[in-house]
Every structure is written in structure tokens, then in C-alpha cells.
Amino acid sequence: MLKPLNKNIVLKKEEVENKTASGIILTTETKSLPTVGEVVAVGPQCENDLKEKDRVVFKEYSGTKVKLDGVEYIVIDEKDVLACIE
């Protein structure tokens, strides 16, 4: 398990649906990058009220990707979280 330090947050990126509502399959090039993720862990110095399993919107090209036990995570700075989805 990843334990973030300082003001970092570990997110699990949500999967992108590659099919439209009408059933058209999108190629990889046409998919936009998802910027929504689920909080897995919050660093001890974070000043926000985020907790595990919160869904958040984050900056598109922020963070560092880490693959652990076949699961891809993103470690981002607290300031790169833009909103919490309720």
C-alpha cells in the first residue's frame, strides 16, 4: 500500500468508457484523459477535508504515476485537487 508523505494524495484514476451511449466504439486517440479519481490515501500534512473513497477532480497532467500490484495510482500534490464530487 502506498502511504503518501507531506501534502500528497494518492488517487486511483477512474476508467474511461470507450463506447458512446449509442454504442459507437471510440479509438484510443479520441478519448479524452479522465481527470476524476478516487482518493486512496491522504498525506499527514494535508489541510483539506478529503478522506478515503472521496471522488475528486484533479489537474489533467499533474502527479506521478505509480503501478503497484497491477493497479495504477497517481500521487499528486494537494494543490492539484480542484474539486470534490459529492
N, C-alpha and C. Protein backbone atom coordinates (compact mmCIF):
# COMPACT_ATOMS: atom_id res chain seq x y z
N MET A 1 0.84 -1.19 0.00
CA MET A 1 0.00 0.00 0.00
C MET A 1 0.88 1.24 0.00
N LEU A 2 0.45 2.24 -0.74
CA LEU A 2 1.17 3.50 -0.78
C LEU A 2 0.73 4.40 0.36
N LYS A 3 1.68 4.95 1.07
CA LYS A 3 1.39 5.89 2.15
C LYS A 3 2.00 7.23 1.76
N PRO A 4 1.16 8.22 1.42
CA PRO A 4 1.70 9.50 0.96
C PRO A 4 2.35 10.28 2.11
N LEU A 5 3.37 11.04 1.76
CA LEU A 5 4.06 11.88 2.72
C LEU A 5 3.70 13.34 2.48
N ASN A 6 3.91 14.15 3.48
CA ASN A 6 3.71 15.59 3.41
C ASN A 6 2.29 15.95 2.94
N LYS A 7 2.20 16.77 1.88
CA LYS A 7 0.89 17.23 1.39
C LYS A 7 0.51 16.51 0.09
N ASN A 8 0.81 15.23 0.02
CA ASN A 8 0.50 14.45 -1.18
C ASN A 8 -0.73 13.59 -0.97
N ILE A 9 -1.38 13.27 -2.09
CA ILE A 9 -2.60 12.45 -2.08
C ILE A 9 -2.43 11.34 -3.11
N VAL A 10 -2.84 10.14 -2.76
CA VAL A 10 -2.80 9.01 -3.69
C VAL A 10 -4.20 8.81 -4.25
N LEU A 11 -4.30 8.80 -5.59
CA LEU A 11 -5.58 8.62 -6.27
C LEU A 11 -5.54 7.38 -7.14
N LYS A 12 -6.71 6.79 -7.32
CA LYS A 12 -6.89 5.73 -8.31
C LYS A 12 -7.75 6.34 -9.40
N LYS A 13 -7.20 6.43 -10.60
CA LYS A 13 -7.88 7.06 -11.72
C LYS A 13 -9.09 6.24 -12.14
N GLU A 14 -10.20 6.92 -12.43
CA GLU A 14 -11.38 6.21 -12.92
C GLU A 14 -11.18 5.81 -14.37
N GLU A 15 -11.69 4.66 -14.73
CA GLU A 15 -11.57 4.15 -16.09
C GLU A 15 -12.41 4.98 -17.06
N VAL A 16 -11.92 5.10 -18.29
CA VAL A 16 -12.62 5.82 -19.33
C VAL A 16 -13.50 4.85 -20.10
N GLU A 17 -14.74 5.20 -20.30
CA GLU A 17 -15.64 4.39 -21.12
C GLU A 17 -15.26 4.62 -22.58
N ASN A 18 -14.98 3.55 -23.33
CA ASN A 18 -14.57 3.73 -24.72
C ASN A 18 -15.71 3.49 -25.69
N LYS A 19 -16.94 3.59 -25.19
CA LYS A 19 -18.11 3.42 -26.03
C LYS A 19 -19.10 4.54 -25.71
N THR A 20 -19.69 5.12 -26.74
CA THR A 20 -20.68 6.17 -26.52
C THR A 20 -22.01 5.54 -26.14
N ALA A 21 -22.96 6.38 -25.74
CA ALA A 21 -24.28 5.89 -25.34
C ALA A 21 -24.98 5.16 -26.49
N SER A 22 -24.69 5.56 -27.73
CA SER A 22 -25.32 4.92 -28.87
C SER A 22 -24.58 3.68 -29.34
N GLY A 23 -23.47 3.32 -28.67
CA GLY A 23 -22.77 2.09 -28.99
C GLY A 23 -21.56 2.24 -29.89
N ILE A 24 -21.19 3.48 -30.24
CA ILE A 24 -20.03 3.70 -31.10
C ILE A 24 -18.76 3.53 -30.26
N ILE A 25 -17.86 2.69 -30.73
CA ILE A 25 -16.61 2.45 -30.01
C ILE A 25 -15.59 3.52 -30.42
N LEU A 26 -15.01 4.16 -29.40
CA LEU A 26 -14.02 5.21 -29.64
C LEU A 26 -12.62 4.61 -29.65
N THR A 27 -11.76 5.14 -30.52
CA THR A 27 -10.37 4.70 -30.53
C THR A 27 -9.63 5.39 -29.40
N THR A 28 -8.46 4.91 -29.09
CA THR A 28 -7.66 5.47 -28.00
C THR A 28 -7.34 6.94 -28.25
N GLU A 29 -7.10 7.32 -29.49
CA GLU A 29 -6.70 8.70 -29.81
C GLU A 29 -7.82 9.70 -29.54
N THR A 30 -9.07 9.28 -29.65
CA THR A 30 -10.17 10.23 -29.50
C THR A 30 -10.65 10.36 -28.06
N LYS A 31 -10.19 9.48 -27.20
CA LYS A 31 -10.62 9.56 -25.80
C LYS A 31 -9.92 10.71 -25.12
N SER A 32 -10.65 11.46 -24.32
CA SER A 32 -10.01 12.48 -23.52
C SER A 32 -9.53 11.84 -22.23
N LEU A 33 -8.47 12.37 -21.67
CA LEU A 33 -7.93 11.80 -20.44
C LEU A 33 -8.86 12.10 -19.28
N PRO A 34 -9.14 11.11 -18.45
CA PRO A 34 -10.01 11.35 -17.32
C PRO A 34 -9.30 12.17 -16.26
N THR A 35 -10.01 13.05 -15.64
CA THR A 35 -9.43 13.86 -14.58
C THR A 35 -10.20 13.65 -13.29
N VAL A 36 -10.85 12.50 -13.18
CA VAL A 36 -11.60 12.16 -11.98
C VAL A 36 -10.96 10.92 -11.37
N GLY A 37 -10.79 10.95 -10.07
CA GLY A 37 -10.20 9.82 -9.39
C GLY A 37 -10.77 9.63 -8.00
N GLU A 38 -10.47 8.47 -7.43
CA GLU A 38 -10.92 8.14 -6.08
C GLU A 38 -9.73 8.25 -5.14
N VAL A 39 -9.92 8.93 -4.01
CA VAL A 39 -8.84 9.09 -3.04
C VAL A 39 -8.58 7.75 -2.36
N VAL A 40 -7.32 7.33 -2.37
CA VAL A 40 -6.91 6.09 -1.74
C VAL A 40 -6.26 6.39 -0.39
N ALA A 41 -5.46 7.46 -0.34
CA ALA A 41 -4.79 7.84 0.91
C ALA A 41 -4.45 9.32 0.87
N VAL A 42 -4.41 9.94 2.06
CA VAL A 42 -4.13 11.36 2.20
C VAL A 42 -2.93 11.54 3.11
N GLY A 43 -2.00 12.41 2.69
CA GLY A 43 -0.79 12.66 3.48
C GLY A 43 -1.11 13.35 4.81
N PRO A 44 -0.23 13.22 5.80
CA PRO A 44 -0.48 13.74 7.14
C PRO A 44 -0.52 15.26 7.24
N GLN A 45 0.06 15.98 6.29
CA GLN A 45 0.08 17.44 6.37
C GLN A 45 -0.97 18.11 5.50
N CYS A 46 -1.84 17.34 4.87
CA CYS A 46 -2.90 17.92 4.03
C CYS A 46 -3.86 18.74 4.87
N GLU A 47 -4.24 19.90 4.36
CA GLU A 47 -5.09 20.81 5.09
C GLU A 47 -6.55 20.77 4.65
N ASN A 48 -6.88 19.92 3.68
CA ASN A 48 -8.27 19.84 3.21
C ASN A 48 -9.00 18.74 3.97
N ASP A 49 -10.28 18.58 3.68
CA ASP A 49 -11.10 17.60 4.38
C ASP A 49 -11.29 16.32 3.58
N LEU A 50 -10.37 16.00 2.68
CA LEU A 50 -10.50 14.79 1.89
C LEU A 50 -10.24 13.55 2.73
N LYS A 51 -10.96 12.49 2.39
CA LYS A 51 -10.76 11.21 3.07
C LYS A 51 -10.83 10.10 2.04
N GLU A 52 -10.51 8.90 2.44
CA GLU A 52 -10.54 7.76 1.53
C GLU A 52 -11.92 7.60 0.89
N LYS A 53 -11.93 7.19 -0.36
CA LYS A 53 -13.12 6.92 -1.17
C LYS A 53 -13.84 8.17 -1.66
N ASP A 54 -13.32 9.38 -1.37
CA ASP A 54 -13.88 10.60 -1.96
C ASP A 54 -13.55 10.60 -3.44
N ARG A 55 -14.46 11.11 -4.26
CA ARG A 55 -14.20 11.28 -5.69
C ARG A 55 -13.82 12.74 -5.91
N VAL A 56 -12.73 12.96 -6.64
CA VAL A 56 -12.23 14.31 -6.84
C VAL A 56 -11.90 14.56 -8.31
N VAL A 57 -11.89 15.84 -8.66
CA VAL A 57 -11.43 16.29 -9.97
C VAL A 57 -10.03 16.86 -9.75
N PHE A 58 -9.09 16.48 -10.60
CA PHE A 58 -7.72 16.96 -10.44
C PHE A 58 -7.17 17.47 -11.77
N LYS A 59 -6.07 18.22 -11.70
CA LYS A 59 -5.45 18.77 -12.90
C LYS A 59 -5.02 17.64 -13.82
N GLU A 60 -5.28 17.80 -15.11
CA GLU A 60 -5.12 16.72 -16.09
C GLU A 60 -3.71 16.13 -16.17
N TYR A 61 -2.69 16.94 -16.17
CA TYR A 61 -1.33 16.41 -16.36
C TYR A 61 -0.49 16.50 -15.09
N SER A 62 -1.12 16.44 -13.94
CA SER A 62 -0.38 16.55 -12.68
C SER A 62 -0.05 15.17 -12.12
N GLY A 63 0.88 15.14 -11.21
CA GLY A 63 1.16 13.92 -10.47
C GLY A 63 2.15 12.98 -11.10
N THR A 64 2.43 11.92 -10.35
CA THR A 64 3.35 10.88 -10.77
C THR A 64 2.62 9.55 -10.76
N LYS A 65 2.68 8.84 -11.88
CA LYS A 65 2.02 7.54 -11.98
C LYS A 65 2.88 6.47 -11.31
N VAL A 66 2.22 5.60 -10.54
CA VAL A 66 2.90 4.50 -9.86
C VAL A 66 2.06 3.24 -10.06
N LYS A 67 2.70 2.15 -10.48
CA LYS A 67 1.98 0.89 -10.65
C LYS A 67 2.43 -0.05 -9.54
N LEU A 68 1.46 -0.52 -8.74
CA LEU A 68 1.76 -1.38 -7.61
C LEU A 68 0.76 -2.54 -7.61
N ASP A 69 1.25 -3.75 -7.63
CA ASP A 69 0.41 -4.96 -7.65
C ASP A 69 -0.60 -4.94 -8.80
N GLY A 70 -0.18 -4.43 -9.95
CA GLY A 70 -1.04 -4.41 -11.13
C GLY A 70 -2.07 -3.30 -11.17
N VAL A 71 -2.07 -2.42 -10.17
CA VAL A 71 -3.02 -1.30 -10.11
C VAL A 71 -2.24 0.00 -10.29
N GLU A 72 -2.76 0.89 -11.15
CA GLU A 72 -2.08 2.15 -11.39
C GLU A 72 -2.66 3.24 -10.51
N TYR A 73 -1.78 3.94 -9.80
CA TYR A 73 -2.15 5.03 -8.92
C TYR A 73 -1.49 6.31 -9.41
N ILE A 74 -1.98 7.44 -8.93
CA ILE A 74 -1.36 8.73 -9.20
C ILE A 74 -1.12 9.40 -7.86
N VAL A 75 0.11 9.84 -7.64
CA VAL A 75 0.44 10.60 -6.44
C VAL A 75 0.51 12.06 -6.85
N ILE A 76 -0.38 12.88 -6.26
CA ILE A 76 -0.43 14.29 -6.64
C ILE A 76 -0.30 15.17 -5.41
N ASP A 77 0.05 16.41 -5.66
CA ASP A 77 0.12 17.40 -4.60
C ASP A 77 -1.29 17.85 -4.25
N GLU A 78 -1.50 18.17 -3.01
CA GLU A 78 -2.81 18.61 -2.53
C GLU A 78 -3.37 19.77 -3.35
N LYS A 79 -2.52 20.68 -3.78
CA LYS A 79 -2.98 21.86 -4.52
C LYS A 79 -3.48 21.52 -5.93
N ASP A 80 -3.20 20.31 -6.42
CA ASP A 80 -3.65 19.91 -7.75
C ASP A 80 -5.06 19.32 -7.75
N VAL A 81 -5.66 19.16 -6.58
CA VAL A 81 -7.06 18.72 -6.49
C VAL A 81 -7.93 19.97 -6.66
N LEU A 82 -8.80 19.95 -7.68
CA LEU A 82 -9.61 21.11 -7.99
C LEU A 82 -10.97 21.11 -7.32
N ALA A 83 -11.57 19.93 -7.15
CA ALA A 83 -12.93 19.86 -6.59
C ALA A 83 -13.20 18.47 -6.06
N CYS A 84 -14.14 18.39 -5.14
CA CYS A 84 -14.61 17.13 -4.60
C CYS A 84 -16.02 16.88 -5.15
N ILE A 85 -16.27 15.69 -5.65
CA ILE A 85 -17.58 15.34 -6.22
C ILE A 85 -18.44 14.74 -5.12
N GLU A 86 -19.60 15.33 -4.89
CA GLU A 86 -20.50 14.83 -3.84
C GLU A 86 -21.62 14.02 -4.42
